[in-house]
PDB file of all heavy atoms in Angstrom:
ATOM      1  N   VAL A   1     -49.196   7.368  40.037  1.00  0.00           N
ATOM      2  CA  VAL A   1     -48.155   6.613  40.742  1.00  0.00           C
ATOM      3  C   VAL A   1     -47.946   7.380  42.028  1.00  0.00           C
ATOM      4  O   VAL A   1     -47.597   8.531  42.040  1.00  0.00           O
ATOM      5  CB  VAL A   1     -46.830   6.557  39.960  1.00  0.00           C
ATOM      6  CG1 VAL A   1     -45.824   5.786  40.662  1.00  0.00           C
ATOM      7  CG2 VAL A   1     -47.110   6.003  38.517  1.00  0.00           C
ATOM      8  N   ALA A   2     -48.154   6.778  43.203  1.00  0.00           N
ATOM      9  CA  ALA A   2     -48.092   7.357  44.466  1.00  0.00           C
ATOM     10  C   ALA A   2     -46.638   7.209  44.936  1.00  0.00           C
ATOM     11  O   ALA A   2     -46.070   6.206  44.960  1.00  0.00           O
ATOM     12  CB  ALA A   2     -49.066   6.803  45.447  1.00  0.00           C
ATOM     13  N   LEU A   3     -46.087   8.370  45.441  1.00  0.00           N
ATOM     14  CA  LEU A   3     -44.764   8.440  46.084  1.00  0.00           C
ATOM     15  C   LEU A   3     -44.987   9.109  47.379  1.00  0.00           C
ATOM     16  O   LEU A   3     -45.987   9.782  47.742  1.00  0.00           O
ATOM     17  CB  LEU A   3     -43.750   9.313  45.249  1.00  0.00           C
ATOM     18  CG  LEU A   3     -43.448   8.833  43.848  1.00  0.00           C
ATOM     19  CD1 LEU A   3     -44.395   9.330  42.805  1.00  0.00           C
ATOM     20  CD2 LEU A   3     -42.008   9.258  43.485  1.00  0.00           C
ATOM     21  N   LYS A   4     -43.953   8.973  48.265  1.00  0.00           N
ATOM     22  CA  LYS A   4     -43.964   9.610  49.601  1.00  0.00           C
ATOM     23  C   LYS A   4     -44.198  11.114  49.395  1.00  0.00           C
ATOM     24  O   LYS A   4     -43.582  11.770  48.518  1.00  0.00           O
ATOM     25  CB  LYS A   4     -42.732   9.340  50.360  1.00  0.00           C
ATOM     26  CG  LYS A   4     -42.767   9.871  51.790  1.00  0.00           C
ATOM     27  CD  LYS A   4     -41.472   9.553  52.538  1.00  0.00           C
ATOM     28  CE  LYS A   4     -41.267   8.007  52.784  1.00  0.00           C
ATOM     29  NZ  LYS A   4     -40.112   7.688  53.654  1.00  0.00           N
ATOM     30  N   LYS A   5     -44.993  11.736  50.290  1.00  0.00           N
ATOM     31  CA  LYS A   5     -45.360  13.158  50.164  1.00  0.00           C
ATOM     32  C   LYS A   5     -44.074  14.043  50.187  1.00  0.00           C
ATOM     33  O   LYS A   5     -43.208  13.827  51.039  1.00  0.00           O
ATOM     34  CB  LYS A   5     -46.223  13.588  51.290  1.00  0.00           C
ATOM     35  CG  LYS A   5     -46.689  14.959  51.254  1.00  0.00           C
ATOM     36  CD  LYS A   5     -47.620  15.199  49.985  1.00  0.00           C
ATOM     37  CE  LYS A   5     -48.172  16.669  49.971  1.00  0.00           C
ATOM     38  NZ  LYS A   5     -48.957  16.935  48.716  1.00  0.00           N
ATOM     39  N   GLY A   6     -43.957  14.856  49.161  1.00  0.00           N
ATOM     40  CA  GLY A   6     -42.814  15.779  49.051  1.00  0.00           C
ATOM     41  C   GLY A   6     -41.697  15.240  48.161  1.00  0.00           C
ATOM     42  O   GLY A   6     -40.705  15.995  47.971  1.00  0.00           O
ATOM     43  N   ASP A   7     -41.778  14.045  47.633  1.00  0.00           N
ATOM     44  CA  ASP A   7     -40.756  13.498  46.746  1.00  0.00           C
ATOM     45  C   ASP A   7     -40.918  14.039  45.388  1.00  0.00           C
ATOM     46  O   ASP A   7     -41.294  13.330  44.386  1.00  0.00           O
ATOM     47  CB  ASP A   7     -40.766  11.970  46.777  1.00  0.00           C
ATOM     48  CG  ASP A   7     -39.599  11.312  46.058  1.00  0.00           C
ATOM     49  OD1 ASP A   7     -38.725  12.114  45.558  1.00  0.00           O
ATOM     50  OD2 ASP A   7     -39.546  10.110  45.896  1.00  0.00           O
ATOM     51  N   VAL A   8     -40.684  15.354  45.175  1.00  0.00           N
ATOM     52  CA  VAL A   8     -40.898  15.994  43.924  1.00  0.00           C
ATOM     53  C   VAL A   8     -39.876  15.509  42.855  1.00  0.00           C
ATOM     54  O   VAL A   8     -40.155  15.307  41.704  1.00  0.00           O
ATOM     55  CB  VAL A   8     -40.797  17.500  44.089  1.00  0.00           C
ATOM     56  CG1 VAL A   8     -40.914  18.219  42.759  1.00  0.00           C
ATOM     57  CG2 VAL A   8     -41.904  18.017  45.003  1.00  0.00           C
ATOM     58  N   ARG A   9     -38.620  15.274  43.336  1.00  0.00           N
ATOM     59  CA  ARG A   9     -37.618  14.860  42.388  1.00  0.00           C
ATOM     60  C   ARG A   9     -37.974  13.478  41.796  1.00  0.00           C
ATOM     61  O   ARG A   9     -37.843  13.275  40.573  1.00  0.00           O
ATOM     62  CB  ARG A   9     -36.235  14.817  43.098  1.00  0.00           C
ATOM     63  CG  ARG A   9     -35.076  14.363  42.172  1.00  0.00           C
ATOM     64  CD  ARG A   9     -33.752  14.345  42.995  1.00  0.00           C
ATOM     65  NE  ARG A   9     -32.701  13.882  42.178  1.00  0.00           N
ATOM     66  CZ  ARG A   9     -31.424  13.692  42.661  1.00  0.00           C
ATOM     67  NH1 ARG A   9     -31.139  14.024  43.911  1.00  0.00           N
ATOM     68  NH2 ARG A   9     -30.483  13.252  41.804  1.00  0.00           N
ATOM     69  N   GLY A  10     -38.375  12.567  42.656  1.00  0.00           N
ATOM     70  CA  GLY A  10     -38.774  11.236  42.247  1.00  0.00           C
ATOM     71  C   GLY A  10     -40.015  11.305  41.306  1.00  0.00           C
ATOM     72  O   GLY A  10     -40.048  10.573  40.252  1.00  0.00           O
ATOM     73  N   CYS A  11     -40.957  12.203  41.595  1.00  0.00           N
ATOM     74  CA  CYS A  11     -42.102  12.350  40.814  1.00  0.00           C
ATOM     75  C   CYS A  11     -41.722  12.749  39.409  1.00  0.00           C
ATOM     76  O   CYS A  11     -42.235  12.259  38.447  1.00  0.00           O
ATOM     77  CB  CYS A  11     -43.020  13.330  41.513  1.00  0.00           C
ATOM     78  SG  CYS A  11     -44.525  13.820  40.518  1.00  0.00           S
ATOM     79  N   ALA A  12     -40.844  13.777  39.298  1.00  0.00           N
ATOM     80  CA  ALA A  12     -40.454  14.285  38.059  1.00  0.00           C
ATOM     81  C   ALA A  12     -39.735  13.172  37.174  1.00  0.00           C
ATOM     82  O   ALA A  12     -39.952  13.077  35.990  1.00  0.00           O
ATOM     83  CB  ALA A  12     -39.456  15.439  38.171  1.00  0.00           C
ATOM     84  N   ALA A  13     -38.942  12.310  37.853  1.00  0.00           N
ATOM     85  CA  ALA A  13     -38.258  11.312  37.149  1.00  0.00           C
ATOM     86  C   ALA A  13     -39.266  10.218  36.613  1.00  0.00           C
ATOM     87  O   ALA A  13     -39.164   9.704  35.497  1.00  0.00           O
ATOM     88  CB  ALA A  13     -37.298  10.588  38.048  1.00  0.00           C
ATOM     89  N   VAL A  14     -40.323   9.899  37.462  1.00  0.00           N
ATOM     90  CA  VAL A  14     -41.344   8.931  36.993  1.00  0.00           C
ATOM     91  C   VAL A  14     -42.069   9.617  35.791  1.00  0.00           C
ATOM     92  O   VAL A  14     -42.437   8.868  34.787  1.00  0.00           O
ATOM     93  CB  VAL A  14     -42.291   8.604  38.163  1.00  0.00           C
ATOM     94  CG1 VAL A  14     -43.534   7.865  37.677  1.00  0.00           C
ATOM     95  CG2 VAL A  14     -41.617   7.881  39.246  1.00  0.00           C
ATOM     96  N   ASN A  15     -42.429  10.896  35.853  1.00  0.00           N
ATOM     97  CA  ASN A  15     -43.058  11.483  34.727  1.00  0.00           C
ATOM     98  C   ASN A  15     -42.327  11.429  33.464  1.00  0.00           C
ATOM     99  O   ASN A  15     -42.881  11.271  32.360  1.00  0.00           O
ATOM    100  CB  ASN A  15     -43.450  12.957  35.077  1.00  0.00           C
ATOM    101  CG  ASN A  15     -44.691  13.076  35.958  1.00  0.00           C
ATOM    102  OD1 ASN A  15     -45.487  12.166  36.133  1.00  0.00           O
ATOM    103  ND2 ASN A  15     -44.906  14.249  36.568  1.00  0.00           N
ATOM    104  N   ARG A  16     -41.034  11.602  33.557  1.00  0.00           N
ATOM    105  CA  ARG A  16     -40.203  11.509  32.346  1.00  0.00           C
ATOM    106  C   ARG A  16     -40.252  10.088  31.782  1.00  0.00           C
ATOM    107  O   ARG A  16     -40.337   9.902  30.532  1.00  0.00           O
ATOM    108  CB  ARG A  16     -38.778  11.879  32.640  1.00  0.00           C
ATOM    109  CG  ARG A  16     -38.483  13.390  32.852  1.00  0.00           C
ATOM    110  CD  ARG A  16     -37.045  13.710  32.902  1.00  0.00           C
ATOM    111  NE  ARG A  16     -36.370  13.144  34.006  1.00  0.00           N
ATOM    112  CZ  ARG A  16     -36.154  13.755  35.211  1.00  0.00           C
ATOM    113  NH1 ARG A  16     -36.707  14.963  35.389  1.00  0.00           N
ATOM    114  NH2 ARG A  16     -35.501  13.114  36.128  1.00  0.00           N
ATOM    115  N   ALA A  17     -40.235   9.069  32.677  1.00  0.00           N
ATOM    116  CA  ALA A  17     -40.350   7.711  32.209  1.00  0.00           C
ATOM    117  C   ALA A  17     -41.708   7.440  31.506  1.00  0.00           C
ATOM    118  O   ALA A  17     -41.777   6.753  30.501  1.00  0.00           O
ATOM    119  CB  ALA A  17     -40.128   6.769  33.352  1.00  0.00           C
ATOM    120  N   LEU A  18     -42.742   7.970  32.078  1.00  0.00           N
ATOM    121  CA  LEU A  18     -44.090   7.657  31.592  1.00  0.00           C
ATOM    122  C   LEU A  18     -44.282   8.386  30.208  1.00  0.00           C
ATOM    123  O   LEU A  18     -44.858   7.861  29.323  1.00  0.00           O
ATOM    124  CB  LEU A  18     -45.124   8.254  32.569  1.00  0.00           C
ATOM    125  CG  LEU A  18     -45.287   7.448  33.899  1.00  0.00           C
ATOM    126  CD1 LEU A  18     -46.263   8.149  34.791  1.00  0.00           C
ATOM    127  CD2 LEU A  18     -45.719   6.043  33.645  1.00  0.00           C
ATOM    128  N   THR A  19     -43.663   9.595  30.099  1.00  0.00           N
ATOM    129  CA  THR A  19     -43.750  10.299  28.828  1.00  0.00           C
ATOM    130  C   THR A  19     -43.072   9.401  27.713  1.00  0.00           C
ATOM    131  O   THR A  19     -43.610   9.281  26.623  1.00  0.00           O
ATOM    132  CB  THR A  19     -43.036  11.632  28.913  1.00  0.00           C
ATOM    133  OG1 THR A  19     -43.715  12.439  29.882  1.00  0.00           O
ATOM    134  CG2 THR A  19     -43.063  12.407  27.564  1.00  0.00           C
ATOM    135  N   GLU A  20     -41.894   8.885  28.086  1.00  0.00           N
ATOM    136  CA  GLU A  20     -41.186   8.039  27.103  1.00  0.00           C
ATOM    137  C   GLU A  20     -41.936   6.793  26.819  1.00  0.00           C
ATOM    138  O   GLU A  20     -42.012   6.295  25.674  1.00  0.00           O
ATOM    139  CB  GLU A  20     -39.808   7.652  27.658  1.00  0.00           C
ATOM    140  CG  GLU A  20     -39.017   6.878  26.703  1.00  0.00           C
ATOM    141  CD  GLU A  20     -37.566   6.556  27.271  1.00  0.00           C
ATOM    142  OE1 GLU A  20     -37.140   7.246  28.171  1.00  0.00           O
ATOM    143  OE2 GLU A  20     -36.993   5.575  26.780  1.00  0.00           O
ATOM    144  N   MET A  21     -42.622   6.229  27.806  1.00  0.00           N
ATOM    145  CA  MET A  21     -43.443   5.042  27.602  1.00  0.00           C
ATOM    146  C   MET A  21     -44.507   5.294  26.555  1.00  0.00           C
ATOM    147  O   MET A  21     -44.806   4.356  25.714  1.00  0.00           O
ATOM    148  CB  MET A  21     -44.087   4.630  28.953  1.00  0.00           C
ATOM    149  CG  MET A  21     -44.837   3.292  28.916  1.00  0.00           C
ATOM    150  SD  MET A  21     -45.529   2.847  30.544  1.00  0.00           S
ATOM    151  CE  MET A  21     -46.978   3.987  30.531  1.00  0.00           C
ATOM    152  N   TYR A  22     -45.172   6.413  26.609  1.00  0.00           N
ATOM    153  CA  TYR A  22     -46.218   6.722  25.653  1.00  0.00           C
ATOM    154  C   TYR A  22     -45.606   7.111  24.266  1.00  0.00           C
ATOM    155  O   TYR A  22     -46.031   6.634  23.213  1.00  0.00           O
ATOM    156  CB  TYR A  22     -47.098   7.808  26.155  1.00  0.00           C
ATOM    157  CG  TYR A  22     -48.192   7.297  26.996  1.00  0.00           C
ATOM    158  CD1 TYR A  22     -48.042   7.163  28.350  1.00  0.00           C
ATOM    159  CD2 TYR A  22     -49.474   6.915  26.438  1.00  0.00           C
ATOM    160  CE1 TYR A  22     -49.081   6.618  29.176  1.00  0.00           C
ATOM    161  CE2 TYR A  22     -50.479   6.429  27.280  1.00  0.00           C
ATOM    162  CZ  TYR A  22     -50.231   6.263  28.623  1.00  0.00           C
ATOM    163  OH  TYR A  22     -51.251   5.756  29.438  1.00  0.00           O
ATOM    164  N   GLN A  23     -44.546   7.966  24.246  1.00  0.00           N
ATOM    165  CA  GLN A  23     -44.030   8.399  23.002  1.00  0.00           C
ATOM    166  C   GLN A  23     -43.356   7.270  22.209  1.00  0.00           C
ATOM    167  O   GLN A  23     -43.352   7.298  20.971  1.00  0.00           O
ATOM    168  CB  GLN A  23     -42.999   9.516  23.230  1.00  0.00           C
ATOM    169  CG  GLN A  23     -43.614  10.795  23.758  1.00  0.00           C
ATOM    170  CD  GLN A  23     -42.627  11.915  24.060  1.00  0.00           C
ATOM    171  OE1 GLN A  23     -41.419  11.662  24.152  1.00  0.00           O
ATOM    172  NE2 GLN A  23     -43.040  13.098  24.147  1.00  0.00           N
ATOM    173  N   SER A  24     -42.815   6.312  22.923  1.00  0.00           N
ATOM    174  CA  SER A  24     -42.190   5.148  22.225  1.00  0.00           C
ATOM    175  C   SER A  24     -43.128   4.129  21.671  1.00  0.00           C
ATOM    176  O   SER A  24     -42.758   3.225  20.985  1.00  0.00           O
ATOM    177  CB  SER A  24     -41.162   4.485  23.141  1.00  0.00           C
ATOM    178  OG  SER A  24     -41.908   3.818  24.211  1.00  0.00           O
ATOM    179  N   GLY A  25     -44.404   4.237  22.144  1.00  0.00           N
ATOM    180  CA  GLY A  25     -45.373   3.240  21.729  1.00  0.00           C
ATOM    181  C   GLY A  25     -45.480   1.993  22.683  1.00  0.00           C
ATOM    182  O   GLY A  25     -46.329   1.136  22.482  1.00  0.00           O
ATOM    183  N   ALA A  26     -44.649   2.047  23.748  1.00  0.00           N
ATOM    184  CA  ALA A  26     -44.671   0.946  24.713  1.00  0.00           C
ATOM    185  C   ALA A  26     -45.954   0.803  25.388  1.00  0.00           C
ATOM    186  O   ALA A  26     -46.458  -0.246  25.721  1.00  0.00           O
ATOM    187  CB  ALA A  26     -43.490   1.059  25.720  1.00  0.00           C
ATOM    188  N   ALA A  27     -46.577   2.001  25.733  1.00  0.00           N
ATOM    189  CA  ALA A  27     -47.894   1.988  26.461  1.00  0.00           C
ATOM    190  C   ALA A  27     -48.931   1.265  25.660  1.00  0.00           C
ATOM    191  O   ALA A  27     -49.674   0.453  26.168  1.00  0.00           O
ATOM    192  CB  ALA A  27     -48.306   3.406  26.773  1.00  0.00           C
ATOM    193  N   LYS A  28     -49.023   1.577  24.353  1.00  0.00           N
ATOM    194  CA  LYS A  28     -50.036   0.987  23.479  1.00  0.00           C
ATOM    195  C   LYS A  28     -49.825  -0.518  23.386  1.00  0.00           C
ATOM    196  O   LYS A  28     -50.789  -1.327  23.424  1.00  0.00           O
ATOM    197  CB  LYS A  28     -50.006   1.638  22.090  1.00  0.00           C
ATOM    198  CG  LYS A  28     -51.096   1.063  21.170  1.00  0.00           C
ATOM    199  CD  LYS A  28     -51.006   1.756  19.811  1.00  0.00           C
ATOM    200  CE  LYS A  28     -52.244   1.336  18.930  1.00  0.00           C
ATOM    201  NZ  LYS A  28     -52.431  -0.109  18.816  1.00  0.00           N
ATOM    202  N   THR A  29     -48.542  -0.909  23.295  1.00  0.00           N
ATOM    203  CA  THR A  29     -48.264  -2.334  23.186  1.00  0.00           C
ATOM    204  C   THR A  29     -48.710  -3.033  24.443  1.00  0.00           C
ATOM    205  O   THR A  29     -49.299  -4.157  24.413  1.00  0.00           O
ATOM    206  CB  THR A  29     -46.702  -2.536  23.005  1.00  0.00           C
ATOM    207  OG1 THR A  29     -46.289  -1.956  21.744  1.00  0.00           O
ATOM    208  CG2 THR A  29     -46.392  -4.046  22.955  1.00  0.00           C
ATOM    209  N   MET A  30     -48.433  -2.437  25.602  1.00  0.00           N
ATOM    210  CA  MET A  30     -48.807  -3.124  26.926  1.00  0.00           C
ATOM    211  C   MET A  30     -50.299  -3.285  26.997  1.00  0.00           C
ATOM    212  O   MET A  30     -50.874  -4.297  27.358  1.00  0.00           O
ATOM    213  CB  MET A  30     -48.374  -2.235  28.066  1.00  0.00           C
ATOM    214  CG  MET A  30     -46.861  -2.160  28.283  1.00  0.00           C
ATOM    215  SD  MET A  30     -46.514  -0.924  29.639  1.00  0.00           S
ATOM    216  CE  MET A  30     -44.709  -0.701  29.376  1.00  0.00           C
ATOM    217  N   ILE A  31     -51.053  -2.214  26.603  1.00  0.00           N
ATOM    218  CA  ILE A  31     -52.510  -2.213  26.713  1.00  0.00           C
ATOM    219  C   ILE A  31     -53.126  -3.262  25.763  1.00  0.00           C
ATOM    220  O   ILE A  31     -54.007  -3.976  26.045  1.00  0.00           O
ATOM    221  CB  ILE A  31     -53.101  -0.838  26.528  1.00  0.00           C
ATOM    222  CG1 ILE A  31     -52.717   0.038  27.704  1.00  0.00           C
ATOM    223  CG2 ILE A  31     -54.590  -0.869  26.344  1.00  0.00           C
ATOM    224  CD1 ILE A  31     -53.068   1.471  27.561  1.00  0.00           C
ATOM    225  N   ASP A  32     -52.582  -3.225  24.506  1.00  0.00           N
ATOM    226  CA  ASP A  32     -53.111  -4.183  23.482  1.00  0.00           C
ATOM    227  C   ASP A  32     -52.829  -5.581  23.940  1.00  0.00           C
ATOM    228  O   ASP A  32     -53.745  -6.513  23.710  1.00  0.00           O
ATOM    229  CB  ASP A  32     -52.404  -3.986  22.157  1.00  0.00           C
ATOM    230  CG  ASP A  32     -52.896  -2.649  21.460  1.00  0.00           C
ATOM    231  OD1 ASP A  32     -53.931  -2.086  21.870  1.00  0.00           O
ATOM    232  OD2 ASP A  32     -52.228  -2.187  20.545  1.00  0.00           O
TER     233      ASP A  32
END
């Protein structure tokens, strides 16, 4: 996921969301 260069805070927030997406099983559901 590309963000404006230097947006470390936004990047960390996106990473938390992506982690939850996989841990909750939502990622597998989307791909299937």
